[in-house]
Amino acid sequence: MWVNLDPKDVRRLKKLAGAERPKWVRLAGNLSNYDTDKKLVEKARKQYAEPSSNDVEVDDDAAISRADDGTWVQAWLWLAEPGQRG
């Protein structure tokens, strides 16, 4: 499951954690690494979504993960039910 949290949400989670910091709240430290880039999102749309048959979608605020030789961009892939067209 993916949950988009903006920096304000992350600060609230960290504040709620207080001094005890239960294990599940430690996750909030990793959530601040969420990043998006409108230019890369648009590039992913042009390269993958536009030429598809409406079976690839990229959200406006898709998460990205940069690597040394490229960038991963979060996307949605449509899988039709067996026996259905799509």
C-alpha atoms as a PDB file:
ATOM      1  CA  MET A   1       0.000   0.000   0.000  1.00  0.00           C
ATOM      2  CA  TRP A   2       1.215   3.502  -0.814  1.00  0.00           C
ATOM      3  CA  VAL A   3       0.235   6.555   1.194  1.00  0.00           C
ATOM      4  CA  ASN A   4       1.314  10.020   0.086  1.00  0.00           C
ATOM      5  CA  LEU A   5       2.185  12.253   3.017  1.00  0.00           C
ATOM      6  CA  ASP A   6       3.343  15.797   2.602  1.00  0.00           C
ATOM      7  CA  PRO A   7       6.051  17.219   4.914  1.00  0.00           C
ATOM      8  CA  LYS A   8       3.379  18.694   7.199  1.00  0.00           C
ATOM      9  CA  ASP A   9       1.822  15.244   7.684  1.00  0.00           C
ATOM     10  CA  VAL A  10       5.219  13.731   8.458  1.00  0.00           C
ATOM     11  CA  ARG A  11       5.873  16.409  11.095  1.00  0.00           C
ATOM     12  CA  ARG A  12       2.509  15.649  12.699  1.00  0.00           C
ATOM     13  CA  LEU A  13       3.287  11.931  12.816  1.00  0.00           C
ATOM     14  CA  LYS A  14       6.656  12.590  14.395  1.00  0.00           C
ATOM     15  CA  LYS A  15       5.050  14.904  16.973  1.00  0.00           C
ATOM     16  CA  LEU A  16       2.415  12.276  17.812  1.00  0.00           C
ATOM     17  CA  ALA A  17       5.173   9.743  18.349  1.00  0.00           C
ATOM     18  CA  GLY A  18       6.429  11.674  21.353  1.00  0.00           C
ATOM     19  CA  ALA A  19       9.269  10.379  23.485  1.00  0.00           C
ATOM     20  CA  GLU A  20       8.162   6.733  23.458  1.00  0.00           C
ATOM     21  CA  ARG A  21       8.427   6.300  19.687  1.00  0.00           C
ATOM     22  CA  PRO A  22       6.608   3.013  19.142  1.00  0.00           C
ATOM     23  CA  LYS A  23       8.003   0.854  16.330  1.00  0.00           C
ATOM     24  CA  TRP A  24       5.241   1.734  13.849  1.00  0.00           C
ATOM     25  CA  VAL A  25       5.951   5.436  14.205  1.00  0.00           C
ATOM     26  CA  ARG A  26       9.643   5.009  13.349  1.00  0.00           C
ATOM     27  CA  LEU A  27       8.343   4.568   9.839  1.00  0.00           C
ATOM     28  CA  ALA A  28       7.639   8.310   9.721  1.00  0.00           C
ATOM     29  CA  GLY A  29      11.367   8.985   9.388  1.00  0.00           C
ATOM     30  CA  ASN A  30      11.403   7.106   6.074  1.00  0.00           C
ATOM     31  CA  LEU A  31       8.311   8.820   4.735  1.00  0.00           C
ATOM     32  CA  SER A  32      10.077  12.145   4.430  1.00  0.00           C
ATOM     33  CA  ASN A  33      12.052  10.732   1.484  1.00  0.00           C
ATOM     34  CA  TYR A  34       8.973  10.913  -0.764  1.00  0.00           C
ATOM     35  CA  ASP A  35       9.750  12.987  -3.818  1.00  0.00           C
ATOM     36  CA  THR A  36       8.035  13.870  -7.087  1.00  0.00           C
ATOM     37  CA  ASP A  37       9.116  15.790 -10.158  1.00  0.00           C
ATOM     38  CA  LYS A  38       6.564  17.138 -12.632  1.00  0.00           C
ATOM     39  CA  LYS A  39       8.999  16.985 -15.575  1.00  0.00           C
ATOM     40  CA  LEU A  40       9.815  13.324 -14.935  1.00  0.00           C
ATOM     41  CA  VAL A  41       6.136  12.500 -14.423  1.00  0.00           C
ATOM     42  CA  GLU A  42       5.326  14.076 -17.782  1.00  0.00           C
ATOM     43  CA  LYS A  43       8.220  12.234 -19.448  1.00  0.00           C
ATOM     44  CA  ALA A  44       6.907   8.925 -18.051  1.00  0.00           C
ATOM     45  CA  ARG A  45       3.421   9.732 -19.345  1.00  0.00           C
ATOM     46  CA  LYS A  46       4.725  10.463 -22.847  1.00  0.00           C
ATOM     47  CA  GLN A  47       6.951   7.384 -22.913  1.00  0.00           C
ATOM     48  CA  TYR A  48       4.561   4.833 -21.380  1.00  0.00           C
ATOM     49  CA  ALA A  49       0.995   6.087 -20.807  1.00  0.00           C
ATOM     50  CA  GLU A  50       0.272   7.943 -24.055  1.00  0.00           C
ATOM     51  CA  PRO A  51       1.281   5.093 -26.394  1.00  0.00           C
ATOM     52  CA  SER A  52      -0.661   2.566 -24.278  1.00  0.00           C
ATOM     53  CA  SER A  53      -4.287   1.561 -24.781  1.00  0.00           C
ATOM     54  CA  ASN A  54      -5.318   3.376 -21.591  1.00  0.00           C
ATOM     55  CA  ASP A  55      -3.758   0.613 -19.523  1.00  0.00           C
ATOM     56  CA  VAL A  56      -0.917   2.696 -18.057  1.00  0.00           C
ATOM     57  CA  GLU A  57      -1.569   5.767 -15.917  1.00  0.00           C
ATOM     58  CA  VAL A  58       0.796   8.091 -14.058  1.00  0.00           C
ATOM     59  CA  ASP A  59      -0.634  10.295 -11.302  1.00  0.00           C
ATOM     60  CA  ASP A  60       0.263  13.999 -11.135  1.00  0.00           C
ATOM     61  CA  ASP A  61       2.002  13.417  -7.786  1.00  0.00           C
ATOM     62  CA  ALA A  62       3.601  10.072  -8.653  1.00  0.00           C
ATOM     63  CA  ALA A  63       6.497   9.136  -6.401  1.00  0.00           C
ATOM     64  CA  ILE A  64       9.927   8.963  -7.958  1.00  0.00           C
ATOM     65  CA  SER A  65      13.076   7.173  -6.859  1.00  0.00           C
ATOM     66  CA  ARG A  66      16.304   8.360  -8.415  1.00  0.00           C
ATOM     67  CA  ALA A  67      19.084   5.914  -9.275  1.00  0.00           C
ATOM     68  CA  ASP A  68      22.555   6.399 -10.751  1.00  0.00           C
ATOM     69  CA  ASP A  69      21.440   5.674 -14.301  1.00  0.00           C
ATOM     70  CA  GLY A  70      17.757   6.681 -14.315  1.00  0.00           C
ATOM     71  CA  THR A  71      14.640   7.219 -12.233  1.00  0.00           C
ATOM     72  CA  TRP A  72      11.780   4.951 -11.172  1.00  0.00           C
ATOM     73  CA  VAL A  73       8.362   6.611 -11.553  1.00  0.00           C
ATOM     74  CA  GLN A  74       5.280   5.250  -9.808  1.00  0.00           C
ATOM     75  CA  ALA A  75       2.543   4.200 -12.242  1.00  0.00           C
ATOM     76  CA  TRP A  76      -0.724   2.291 -12.434  1.00  0.00           C
ATOM     77  CA  LEU A  77      -1.066  -0.720 -14.748  1.00  0.00           C
ATOM     78  CA  TRP A  78      -4.496  -2.015 -15.792  1.00  0.00           C
ATOM     79  CA  LEU A  79      -5.081  -5.763 -15.723  1.00  0.00           C
ATOM     80  CA  ALA A  80      -8.390  -6.882 -17.229  1.00  0.00           C
ATOM     81  CA  GLU A  81     -10.289  -9.754 -15.639  1.00  0.00           C
ATOM     82  CA  PRO A  82      -9.970 -13.069 -17.511  1.00  0.00           C
ATOM     83  CA  GLY A  83     -12.401 -13.158 -20.413  1.00  0.00           C
ATOM     84  CA  GLN A  84     -12.756  -9.354 -20.480  1.00  0.00           C
ATOM     85  CA  ARG A  85     -11.375  -7.077 -23.165  1.00  0.00           C
ATOM     86  CA  GLY A  86      -8.951  -4.435 -22.092  1.00  0.00           C
END
